[in-house]
Amino acid sequence: MPFLGAHLSIAGGVSNAVAAATKLGCTALQIFTKSPNSWAAKPIDPADAAQFKRAVKAAGLRYPTAHDSYLINLASPDDAAFQKSIDALVIELERAEQLGLSYLVSHPGAHNGSGEAAGLKRVAAGLDAVRKRCKGFKVKLLVETTAGSGTCLGGPFEHLQRILGGVKDASWLGVCLDTCHIFAAGYPIGTPKQYEETFGLFGDVVGFEHLKLFHVNDSVPGLGSRVDRHAGLGLGQIGIEFFRRLVTDPRFRDLPMVLETPKEADDGTDMDPVNLGVLRGFLSEAVGA
């Protein structure tokens, strides 16, 4: 079965996220290693990193993952911003490597008016520059599907294919598929037919061999809105049956699936246990069927 988890806070110490994951019964985990809205980062204390790795192992968590800074933009046509993004992504990878993470998730970036072709070429060049400075790292960088807002790249599956095909070495790269994002980007997934057609297209264009991680989120806006706003499972526009199909799809049984859904309901209810319970319920029903 897939490894289920959530994006959890490292407030008070990076190992606190592991404790929270254990309390939730998670088998996967995603964190930020620093503020996602800041370029600066306090170095990770080696003792804290060692404690985190011990905690992950003791908890039996698989594929521990981080998401990088939202400020990084490898598609930027501005040379200064492009270089700053390369430097920042190298630091993010160094931190992920220090923590022994499996994956670092990164958005492709926005071309800011230079055009899709130029932006995608820029991303590939940026990734090559990053790889040159991070040789020998075990952590893989996962390029994430996006809602395609504004000039953001990563909405069409073809963008991911062109990035993976445009780098000198794709062996250290993979793909993170966000369910809210692909729906917002215009890929219908609600009905069984739509589900099979969209994932069939992903397999044809990108290739399932590159798919390493799911972000499991419902969508507040409708199909093709190009607006990135996550909802709890069954509380958005995708439809709850999609999540049943996803979590029980044998093609994805060995992959991590991480929630990035809202943490609290309007009445203050903690929603991570609720959303994880939905997915676990689907798995239990499938086993008992």
C-alpha atoms as a PDB file:
ATOM      1  CA  MET A   1       0.000   0.000   0.000  1.00  0.00           C
ATOM      2  CA  PRO A   2       1.162   3.593  -0.430  1.00  0.00           C
ATOM      3  CA  PHE A   3       3.035   5.377   2.344  1.00  0.00           C
ATOM      4  CA  LEU A   4       0.724   8.024   3.810  1.00  0.00           C
ATOM      5  CA  GLY A   5       1.813  11.216   5.500  1.00  0.00           C
ATOM      6  CA  ALA A   6       1.401  14.964   5.800  1.00  0.00           C
ATOM      7  CA  HIS A   7       3.403  18.159   5.603  1.00  0.00           C
ATOM      8  CA  LEU A   8       4.267  18.900   9.228  1.00  0.00           C
ATOM      9  CA  SER A   9       5.854  21.772  11.106  1.00  0.00           C
ATOM     10  CA  ILE A  10       9.434  21.764  12.408  1.00  0.00           C
ATOM     11  CA  ALA A  11       8.651  24.480  14.983  1.00  0.00           C
ATOM     12  CA  GLY A  12      10.730  23.890  18.093  1.00  0.00           C
ATOM     13  CA  GLY A  13      13.145  21.580  16.295  1.00  0.00           C
ATOM     14  CA  VAL A  14      13.220  19.509  13.141  1.00  0.00           C
ATOM     15  CA  SER A  15      12.673  16.255  15.061  1.00  0.00           C
ATOM     16  CA  ASN A  16       9.343  17.571  16.335  1.00  0.00           C
ATOM     17  CA  ALA A  17       7.902  16.877  12.883  1.00  0.00           C
ATOM     18  CA  VAL A  18       8.792  13.203  13.301  1.00  0.00           C
ATOM     19  CA  ALA A  19       7.057  13.108  16.674  1.00  0.00           C
ATOM     20  CA  ALA A  20       3.954  14.652  15.104  1.00  0.00           C
ATOM     21  CA  ALA A  21       4.078  12.134  12.243  1.00  0.00           C
ATOM     22  CA  THR A  22       4.322   9.270  14.716  1.00  0.00           C
ATOM     23  CA  LYS A  23       1.324  10.562  16.647  1.00  0.00           C
ATOM     24  CA  LEU A  24      -0.667  10.641  13.389  1.00  0.00           C
ATOM     25  CA  GLY A  25       0.426   7.124  12.467  1.00  0.00           C
ATOM     26  CA  CYS A  26       2.156   8.362   9.328  1.00  0.00           C
ATOM     27  CA  THR A  27       4.501   6.263   7.236  1.00  0.00           C
ATOM     28  CA  ALA A  28       5.702   9.274   5.175  1.00  0.00           C
ATOM     29  CA  LEU A  29       6.562  12.886   5.991  1.00  0.00           C
ATOM     30  CA  GLN A  30       7.197  16.247   4.358  1.00  0.00           C
ATOM     31  CA  ILE A  31       8.708  19.350   5.964  1.00  0.00           C
ATOM     32  CA  PHE A  32      10.275  22.699   5.202  1.00  0.00           C
ATOM     33  CA  THR A  33      13.857  22.783   6.453  1.00  0.00           C
ATOM     34  CA  LYS A  34      13.590  26.602   6.719  1.00  0.00           C
ATOM     35  CA  SER A  35      11.026  29.336   6.135  1.00  0.00           C
ATOM     36  CA  PRO A  36       9.704  28.944   2.571  1.00  0.00           C
ATOM     37  CA  ASN A  37       9.245  32.706   2.300  1.00  0.00           C
ATOM     38  CA  SER A  38      12.795  33.703   3.158  1.00  0.00           C
ATOM     39  CA  TRP A  39      16.138  33.470   1.361  1.00  0.00           C
ATOM     40  CA  ALA A  40      18.079  33.306   4.623  1.00  0.00           C
ATOM     41  CA  ALA A  41      18.413  30.138   6.661  1.00  0.00           C
ATOM     42  CA  LYS A  42      20.040  29.349   9.983  1.00  0.00           C
ATOM     43  CA  PRO A  43      22.432  26.411   9.490  1.00  0.00           C
ATOM     44  CA  ILE A  44      21.198  23.054  10.718  1.00  0.00           C
ATOM     45  CA  ASP A  45      23.079  21.931  13.812  1.00  0.00           C
ATOM     46  CA  PRO A  46      24.829  18.595  13.096  1.00  0.00           C
ATOM     47  CA  ALA A  47      23.487  17.195  16.360  1.00  0.00           C
ATOM     48  CA  ASP A  48      19.930  18.131  15.356  1.00  0.00           C
ATOM     49  CA  ALA A  49      20.407  16.497  11.962  1.00  0.00           C
ATOM     50  CA  ALA A  50      21.703  13.306  13.589  1.00  0.00           C
ATOM     51  CA  GLN A  51      18.762  13.268  16.006  1.00  0.00           C
ATOM     52  CA  PHE A  52      16.324  13.760  13.130  1.00  0.00           C
ATOM     53  CA  LYS A  53      17.775  10.860  11.162  1.00  0.00           C
ATOM     54  CA  ARG A  54      17.608   8.590  14.203  1.00  0.00           C
ATOM     55  CA  ALA A  55      14.007   9.632  14.827  1.00  0.00           C
ATOM     56  CA  VAL A  56      12.985   8.972  11.208  1.00  0.00           C
ATOM     57  CA  LYS A  57      14.530   5.510  11.337  1.00  0.00           C
ATOM     58  CA  ALA A  58      12.961   4.690  14.694  1.00  0.00           C
ATOM     59  CA  ALA A  59       9.542   5.844  13.472  1.00  0.00           C
ATOM     60  CA  GLY A  60       9.792   3.714  10.341  1.00  0.00           C
ATOM     61  CA  LEU A  61       9.074   6.684   8.075  1.00  0.00           C
ATOM     62  CA  ARG A  62       9.730   6.162   4.382  1.00  0.00           C
ATOM     63  CA  TYR A  63      10.804   8.718   1.804  1.00  0.00           C
ATOM     64  CA  PRO A  64      11.216  11.720   4.147  1.00  0.00           C
ATOM     65  CA  THR A  65      10.819  14.802   1.985  1.00  0.00           C
ATOM     66  CA  ALA A  66      11.235  18.561   2.110  1.00  0.00           C
ATOM     67  CA  HIS A  67       9.722  21.318  -0.006  1.00  0.00           C
ATOM     68  CA  ASP A  68      12.040  24.124  -1.039  1.00  0.00           C
ATOM     69  CA  SER A  69      11.594  27.898  -0.822  1.00  0.00           C
ATOM     70  CA  TYR A  70       8.745  29.517  -2.731  1.00  0.00           C
ATOM     71  CA  LEU A  71      11.142  32.316  -3.719  1.00  0.00           C
ATOM     72  CA  ILE A  72      13.314  30.130  -5.950  1.00  0.00           C
ATOM     73  CA  ASN A  73      12.689  30.719  -9.665  1.00  0.00           C
ATOM     74  CA  LEU A  74      14.977  28.889 -12.076  1.00  0.00           C
ATOM     75  CA  ALA A  75      12.826  30.100 -14.982  1.00  0.00           C
ATOM     76  CA  SER A  76      13.560  33.770 -14.318  1.00  0.00           C
ATOM     77  CA  PRO A  77      14.928  35.702 -17.315  1.00  0.00           C
ATOM     78  CA  ASP A  78      16.690  38.069 -14.900  1.00  0.00           C
ATOM     79  CA  ASP A  79      20.303  36.946 -14.533  1.00  0.00           C
ATOM     80  CA  ALA A  80      20.650  38.092 -10.917  1.00  0.00           C
ATOM     81  CA  ALA A  81      17.435  36.368  -9.833  1.00  0.00           C
ATOM     82  CA  PHE A  82      18.411  33.259 -11.783  1.00  0.00           C
ATOM     83  CA  GLN A  83      21.800  33.011 -10.053  1.00  0.00           C
ATOM     84  CA  LYS A  84      20.271  33.741  -6.648  1.00  0.00           C
ATOM     85  CA  SER A  85      17.798  30.918  -7.244  1.00  0.00           C
ATOM     86  CA  ILE A  86      20.580  28.510  -8.177  1.00  0.00           C
ATOM     87  CA  ASP A  87      22.487  29.405  -5.012  1.00  0.00           C
ATOM     88  CA  ALA A  88      19.348  29.019  -2.888  1.00  0.00           C
ATOM     89  CA  LEU A  89      18.455  25.651  -4.395  1.00  0.00           C
ATOM     90  CA  VAL A  90      21.973  24.370  -3.742  1.00  0.00           C
ATOM     91  CA  ILE A  91      21.556  25.337  -0.077  1.00  0.00           C
ATOM     92  CA  GLU A  92      18.160  23.622   0.051  1.00  0.00           C
ATOM     93  CA  LEU A  93      19.709  20.436  -1.341  1.00  0.00           C
ATOM     94  CA  GLU A  94      22.615  20.638   1.091  1.00  0.00           C
ATOM     95  CA  ARG A  95      20.156  20.884   3.987  1.00  0.00           C
ATOM     96  CA  ALA A  96      18.082  17.978   2.646  1.00  0.00           C
ATOM     97  CA  GLU A  97      21.230  15.896   2.223  1.00  0.00           C
ATOM     98  CA  GLN A  98      22.345  16.743   5.767  1.00  0.00           C
ATOM     99  CA  LEU A  99      18.996  15.483   7.095  1.00  0.00           C
ATOM    100  CA  GLY A 100      19.181  12.295   5.043  1.00  0.00           C
ATOM    101  CA  LEU A 101      16.021  13.105   3.086  1.00  0.00           C
ATOM    102  CA  SER A 102      14.952  11.118   0.053  1.00  0.00           C
ATOM    103  CA  TYR A 103      13.404  13.988  -1.897  1.00  0.00           C
ATOM    104  CA  LEU A 104      13.321  17.757  -2.223  1.00  0.00           C
ATOM    105  CA  VAL A 105      10.239  19.089  -4.022  1.00  0.00           C
ATOM    106  CA  SER A 106      10.604  22.208  -6.172  1.00  0.00           C
ATOM    107  CA  HIS A 107       8.290  24.228  -8.416  1.00  0.00           C
ATOM    108  CA  PRO A 108       9.623  24.779 -11.947  1.00  0.00           C
ATOM    109  CA  GLY A 109       9.281  28.569 -11.699  1.00  0.00           C
ATOM    110  CA  ALA A 110       7.726  31.395 -13.723  1.00  0.00           C
ATOM    111  CA  HIS A 111       9.076  32.725 -17.022  1.00  0.00           C
ATOM    112  CA  ASN A 112       7.885  36.274 -16.216  1.00  0.00           C
ATOM    113  CA  GLY A 113       7.182  37.134 -19.835  1.00  0.00           C
ATOM    114  CA  SER A 114      10.123  35.505 -21.587  1.00  0.00           C
ATOM    115  CA  GLY A 115       7.848  32.738 -22.925  1.00  0.00           C
ATOM    116  CA  GLU A 116       7.409  29.056 -22.150  1.00  0.00           C
ATOM    117  CA  ALA A 117      10.201  27.820 -24.415  1.00  0.00           C
ATOM    118  CA  ALA A 118      12.755  30.230 -22.963  1.00  0.00           C
ATOM    119  CA  GLY A 119      11.577  29.537 -19.417  1.00  0.00           C
ATOM    120  CA  LEU A 120      11.821  25.764 -19.759  1.00  0.00           C
ATOM    121  CA  LYS A 121      15.285  26.055 -21.286  1.00  0.00           C
ATOM    122  CA  ARG A 122      16.296  28.295 -18.400  1.00  0.00           C
ATOM    123  CA  VAL A 123      15.030  25.766 -15.834  1.00  0.00           C
ATOM    124  CA  ALA A 124      17.039  22.964 -17.435  1.00  0.00           C
ATOM    125  CA  ALA A 125      20.175  25.118 -17.474  1.00  0.00           C
ATOM    126  CA  GLY A 126      19.621  26.050 -13.831  1.00  0.00           C
ATOM    127  CA  LEU A 127      19.200  22.433 -12.819  1.00  0.00           C
ATOM    128  CA  ASP A 128      22.419  21.528 -14.635  1.00  0.00           C
ATOM    129  CA  ALA A 129      24.238  24.263 -12.715  1.00  0.00           C
ATOM    130  CA  VAL A 130      22.791  23.020  -9.424  1.00  0.00           C
ATOM    131  CA  ARG A 131      23.712  19.413 -10.170  1.00  0.00           C
ATOM    132  CA  LYS A 132      27.306  20.399 -10.921  1.00  0.00           C
ATOM    133  CA  ARG A 133      27.581  21.795  -7.385  1.00  0.00           C
ATOM    134  CA  CYS A 134      25.804  18.862  -5.718  1.00  0.00           C
ATOM    135  CA  LYS A 135      27.565  15.873  -7.243  1.00  0.00           C
ATOM    136  CA  GLY A 136      27.324  12.715  -5.215  1.00  0.00           C
ATOM    137  CA  PHE A 137      24.203  13.801  -3.303  1.00  0.00           C
ATOM    138  CA  LYS A 138      21.735  11.006  -2.573  1.00  0.00           C
ATOM    139  CA  VAL A 139      18.663  13.256  -2.299  1.00  0.00           C
ATOM    140  CA  LYS A 140      16.595  13.536  -5.481  1.00  0.00           C
ATOM    141  CA  LEU A 141      14.998  16.757  -6.683  1.00  0.00           C
ATOM    142  CA  LEU A 142      11.345  16.352  -7.639  1.00  0.00           C
ATOM    143  CA  VAL A 143       9.870  18.865 -10.092  1.00  0.00           C
ATOM    144  CA  GLU A 144       6.270  19.502  -9.056  1.00  0.00           C
ATOM    145  CA  THR A 145       3.216  19.844 -11.265  1.00  0.00           C
ATOM    146  CA  THR A 146       1.615  23.275 -10.837  1.00  0.00           C
ATOM    147  CA  ALA A 147      -1.749  24.941 -11.396  1.00  0.00           C
ATOM    148  CA  GLY A 148      -0.148  27.033 -14.142  1.00  0.00           C
ATOM    149  CA  SER A 149      -1.079  30.385 -12.616  1.00  0.00           C
ATOM    150  CA  GLY A 150       0.158  33.457 -14.500  1.00  0.00           C
ATOM    151  CA  THR A 151       3.453  32.630 -16.194  1.00  0.00           C
ATOM    152  CA  CYS A 152       4.194  29.668 -13.897  1.00  0.00           C
ATOM    153  CA  LEU A 153       5.524  26.621 -15.699  1.00  0.00           C
ATOM    154  CA  GLY A 154       4.560  23.056 -14.830  1.00  0.00           C
ATOM    155  CA  GLY A 155       0.847  23.078 -15.632  1.00  0.00           C
ATOM    156  CA  PRO A 156       0.965  21.015 -18.834  1.00  0.00           C
ATOM    157  CA  PHE A 157       2.577  17.591 -18.457  1.00  0.00           C
ATOM    158  CA  GLU A 158       4.685  18.464 -21.501  1.00  0.00           C
ATOM    159  CA  HIS A 159       6.538  21.052 -19.407  1.00  0.00           C
ATOM    160  CA  LEU A 160       7.812  18.343 -17.076  1.00  0.00           C
ATOM    161  CA  GLN A 161       8.831  16.167 -20.003  1.00  0.00           C
ATOM    162  CA  ARG A 162      10.760  19.026 -21.575  1.00  0.00           C
ATOM    163  CA  ILE A 163      12.562  19.818 -18.330  1.00  0.00           C
ATOM    164  CA  LEU A 164      13.548  16.184 -17.756  1.00  0.00           C
ATOM    165  CA  GLY A 165      14.569  15.863 -21.380  1.00  0.00           C
ATOM    166  CA  GLY A 166      16.450  19.154 -21.402  1.00  0.00           C
ATOM    167  CA  VAL A 167      18.955  18.488 -18.613  1.00  0.00           C
ATOM    168  CA  LYS A 168      22.318  16.796 -19.118  1.00  0.00           C
ATOM    169  CA  ASP A 169      21.605  14.223 -16.396  1.00  0.00           C
ATOM    170  CA  ALA A 170      18.052  13.386 -15.338  1.00  0.00           C
ATOM    171  CA  SER A 171      19.050  10.527 -13.031  1.00  0.00           C
ATOM    172  CA  TRP A 172      18.866  12.773  -9.937  1.00  0.00           C
ATOM    173  CA  LEU A 173      15.436  14.169 -10.871  1.00  0.00           C
ATOM    174  CA  GLY A 174      11.861  12.966 -10.550  1.00  0.00           C
ATOM    175  CA  VAL A 175       8.307  14.297 -10.503  1.00  0.00           C
ATOM    176  CA  CYS A 176       5.904  15.179  -7.704  1.00  0.00           C
ATOM    177  CA  LEU A 177       2.266  15.128  -8.821  1.00  0.00           C
ATOM    178  CA  ASP A 178      -0.070  17.425  -6.895  1.00  0.00           C
ATOM    179  CA  THR A 179      -3.699  16.371  -7.369  1.00  0.00           C
ATOM    180  CA  CYS A 180      -5.087  19.865  -6.752  1.00  0.00           C
ATOM    181  CA  HIS A 181      -2.612  21.364  -9.189  1.00  0.00           C
ATOM    182  CA  ILE A 182      -3.306  19.058 -12.122  1.00  0.00           C
ATOM    183  CA  PHE A 183      -7.057  19.571 -11.668  1.00  0.00           C
ATOM    184  CA  ALA A 184      -6.624  23.356 -11.523  1.00  0.00           C
ATOM    185  CA  ALA A 185      -4.357  23.147 -14.576  1.00  0.00           C
ATOM    186  CA  GLY A 186      -7.230  21.621 -16.546  1.00  0.00           C
ATOM    187  CA  TYR A 187      -6.836  17.852 -16.272  1.00  0.00           C
ATOM    188  CA  PRO A 188     -10.220  16.223 -15.426  1.00  0.00           C
ATOM    189  CA  ILE A 189      -9.877  13.388 -12.896  1.00  0.00           C
ATOM    190  CA  GLY A 190     -13.274  13.082 -11.182  1.00  0.00           C
ATOM    191  CA  THR A 191     -14.850  10.183 -13.073  1.00  0.00           C
ATOM    192  CA  PRO A 192     -13.315   6.743 -13.692  1.00  0.00           C
ATOM    193  CA  LYS A 193     -12.944   7.527 -17.412  1.00  0.00           C
ATOM    194  CA  GLN A 194     -11.335  10.908 -16.730  1.00  0.00           C
ATOM    195  CA  TYR A 195      -9.025   9.330 -14.166  1.00  0.00           C
ATOM    196  CA  GLU A 196      -7.761   6.709 -16.594  1.00  0.00           C
ATOM    197  CA  GLU A 197      -7.396   9.164 -19.471  1.00  0.00           C
ATOM    198  CA  THR A 198      -5.469  11.749 -17.447  1.00  0.00           C
ATOM    199  CA  PHE A 199      -3.116   9.276 -15.820  1.00  0.00           C
ATOM    200  CA  GLY A 200      -2.719   7.491 -19.131  1.00  0.00           C
ATOM    201  CA  LEU A 201      -1.662  10.819 -20.629  1.00  0.00           C
ATOM    202  CA  PHE A 202       0.774  11.416 -17.786  1.00  0.00           C
ATOM    203  CA  GLY A 203       2.288   8.001 -18.386  1.00  0.00           C
ATOM    204  CA  ASP A 204       2.630   8.650 -22.103  1.00  0.00           C
ATOM    205  CA  VAL A 205       4.039  12.175 -21.826  1.00  0.00           C
ATOM    206  CA  VAL A 206       6.143  12.096 -18.647  1.00  0.00           C
ATOM    207  CA  GLY A 207       6.435   8.401 -17.794  1.00  0.00           C
ATOM    208  CA  PHE A 208       5.457   6.690 -14.548  1.00  0.00           C
ATOM    209  CA  GLU A 209       9.098   5.809 -13.962  1.00  0.00           C
ATOM    210  CA  HIS A 210       9.698   9.475 -13.091  1.00  0.00           C
ATOM    211  CA  LEU A 211       6.766   9.720 -10.641  1.00  0.00           C
ATOM    212  CA  LYS A 212       8.113   9.533  -7.084  1.00  0.00           C
ATOM    213  CA  LEU A 213       5.612  11.335  -4.837  1.00  0.00           C
ATOM    214  CA  PHE A 214       2.011  12.561  -4.645  1.00  0.00           C
ATOM    215  CA  HIS A 215       0.714  15.673  -2.932  1.00  0.00           C
ATOM    216  CA  VAL A 216      -2.842  14.611  -2.107  1.00  0.00           C
ATOM    217  CA  ASN A 217      -5.112  17.662  -2.045  1.00  0.00           C
ATOM    218  CA  ASP A 218      -8.643  18.550  -3.101  1.00  0.00           C
ATOM    219  CA  SER A 219      -9.202  21.848  -4.925  1.00  0.00           C
ATOM    220  CA  VAL A 220     -11.302  24.820  -3.823  1.00  0.00           C
ATOM    221  CA  PRO A 221     -11.578  26.296  -7.369  1.00  0.00           C
ATOM    222  CA  GLY A 222     -12.994  24.333 -10.286  1.00  0.00           C
ATOM    223  CA  LEU A 223     -11.411  22.449 -13.154  1.00  0.00           C
ATOM    224  CA  GLY A 224      -9.021  24.576 -15.209  1.00  0.00           C
ATOM    225  CA  SER A 225      -9.166  27.555 -12.831  1.00  0.00           C
ATOM    226  CA  ARG A 226      -5.346  27.795 -12.747  1.00  0.00           C
ATOM    227  CA  VAL A 227      -5.750  28.839  -9.108  1.00  0.00           C
ATOM    228  CA  ASP A 228      -3.723  26.957  -6.487  1.00  0.00           C
ATOM    229  CA  ARG A 229      -5.913  26.636  -3.394  1.00  0.00           C
ATOM    230  CA  HIS A 230      -6.037  23.350  -1.532  1.00  0.00           C
ATOM    231  CA  ALA A 231      -9.072  21.842   0.184  1.00  0.00           C
ATOM    232  CA  GLY A 232      -9.605  18.892   2.499  1.00  0.00           C
ATOM    233  CA  LEU A 233     -10.409  15.591   0.831  1.00  0.00           C
ATOM    234  CA  GLY A 234     -14.000  15.593  -0.381  1.00  0.00           C
ATOM    235  CA  LEU A 235     -14.445  19.251   0.538  1.00  0.00           C
ATOM    236  CA  GLY A 236     -13.431  20.657  -2.849  1.00  0.00           C
ATOM    237  CA  GLN A 237     -14.321  20.307  -6.505  1.00  0.00           C
ATOM    238  CA  ILE A 238     -12.470  17.104  -7.414  1.00  0.00           C
ATOM    239  CA  GLY A 239     -14.820  14.633  -5.740  1.00  0.00           C
ATOM    240  CA  ILE A 240     -14.090  12.106  -3.019  1.00  0.00           C
ATOM    241  CA  GLU A 241     -14.158   9.069  -5.317  1.00  0.00           C
ATOM    242  CA  PHE A 242     -11.014  10.280  -7.056  1.00  0.00           C
ATOM    243  CA  PHE A 243      -9.079   9.828  -3.826  1.00  0.00           C
ATOM    244  CA  ARG A 244     -10.445   6.310  -3.395  1.00  0.00           C
ATOM    245  CA  ARG A 245      -9.205   5.420  -6.887  1.00  0.00           C
ATOM    246  CA  LEU A 246      -5.834   7.055  -6.315  1.00  0.00           C
ATOM    247  CA  VAL A 247      -4.947   5.462  -2.993  1.00  0.00           C
ATOM    248  CA  THR A 248      -6.019   1.992  -4.181  1.00  0.00           C
ATOM    249  CA  ASP A 249      -4.413   2.216  -7.647  1.00  0.00           C
ATOM    250  CA  PRO A 250      -1.934  -0.694  -7.846  1.00  0.00           C
ATOM    251  CA  ARG A 251       0.391   1.406 -10.017  1.00  0.00           C
ATOM    252  CA  PHE A 252       1.028   3.686  -7.036  1.00  0.00           C
ATOM    253  CA  ARG A 253       1.029   1.189  -4.167  1.00  0.00           C
ATOM    254  CA  ASP A 254       4.692   1.757  -3.283  1.00  0.00           C
ATOM    255  CA  LEU A 255       4.731   5.555  -3.542  1.00  0.00           C
ATOM    256  CA  PRO A 256       4.502   8.159  -0.762  1.00  0.00           C
ATOM    257  CA  MET A 257       1.318  10.252  -0.679  1.00  0.00           C
ATOM    258  CA  VAL A 258       1.522  13.404   1.420  1.00  0.00           C
ATOM    259  CA  LEU A 259      -1.300  15.713   2.495  1.00  0.00           C
ATOM    260  CA  GLU A 260      -0.957  19.466   2.084  1.00  0.00           C
ATOM    261  CA  THR A 261      -4.562  20.090   3.070  1.00  0.00           C
ATOM    262  CA  PRO A 262      -5.735  22.813   5.491  1.00  0.00           C
ATOM    263  CA  LYS A 263      -4.793  21.965   9.069  1.00  0.00           C
ATOM    264  CA  GLU A 264      -7.979  23.156  10.774  1.00  0.00           C
ATOM    265  CA  ALA A 265     -11.695  23.177   9.978  1.00  0.00           C
ATOM    266  CA  ASP A 266     -13.762  26.281  10.677  1.00  0.00           C
ATOM    267  CA  ASP A 267     -14.798  24.769  14.012  1.00  0.00           C
ATOM    268  CA  GLY A 268     -11.179  24.163  15.020  1.00  0.00           C
ATOM    269  CA  THR A 269     -11.125  20.433  14.252  1.00  0.00           C
ATOM    270  CA  ASP A 270      -7.632  19.073  13.536  1.00  0.00           C
ATOM    271  CA  MET A 271      -7.977  17.921   9.933  1.00  0.00           C
ATOM    272  CA  ASP A 272      -4.825  15.861   9.359  1.00  0.00           C
ATOM    273  CA  PRO A 273      -6.240  12.869  11.298  1.00  0.00           C
ATOM    274  CA  VAL A 274      -9.539  13.267   9.423  1.00  0.00           C
ATOM    275  CA  ASN A 275      -7.974  13.326   5.955  1.00  0.00           C
ATOM    276  CA  LEU A 276      -5.552  10.514   6.737  1.00  0.00           C
ATOM    277  CA  GLY A 277      -8.515   8.557   8.083  1.00  0.00           C
ATOM    278  CA  VAL A 278     -10.325   8.964   4.772  1.00  0.00           C
ATOM    279  CA  LEU A 279      -7.399   7.473   2.855  1.00  0.00           C
ATOM    280  CA  ARG A 280      -6.885   4.678   5.353  1.00  0.00           C
ATOM    281  CA  GLY A 281     -10.583   3.875   5.203  1.00  0.00           C
ATOM    282  CA  PHE A 282     -10.385   3.451   1.435  1.00  0.00           C
ATOM    283  CA  LEU A 283      -7.405   1.132   1.823  1.00  0.00           C
ATOM    284  CA  SER A 284      -9.169  -0.939   4.485  1.00  0.00           C
ATOM    285  CA  GLU A 285     -12.256  -1.282   2.301  1.00  0.00           C
ATOM    286  CA  ALA A 286     -10.115  -2.405  -0.630  1.00  0.00           C
ATOM    287  CA  VAL A 287      -8.363  -5.053   1.469  1.00  0.00           C
ATOM    288  CA  GLY A 288     -11.680  -6.335   2.795  1.00  0.00           C
ATOM    289  CA  ALA A 289     -13.375  -6.377  -0.587  1.00  0.00           C
END
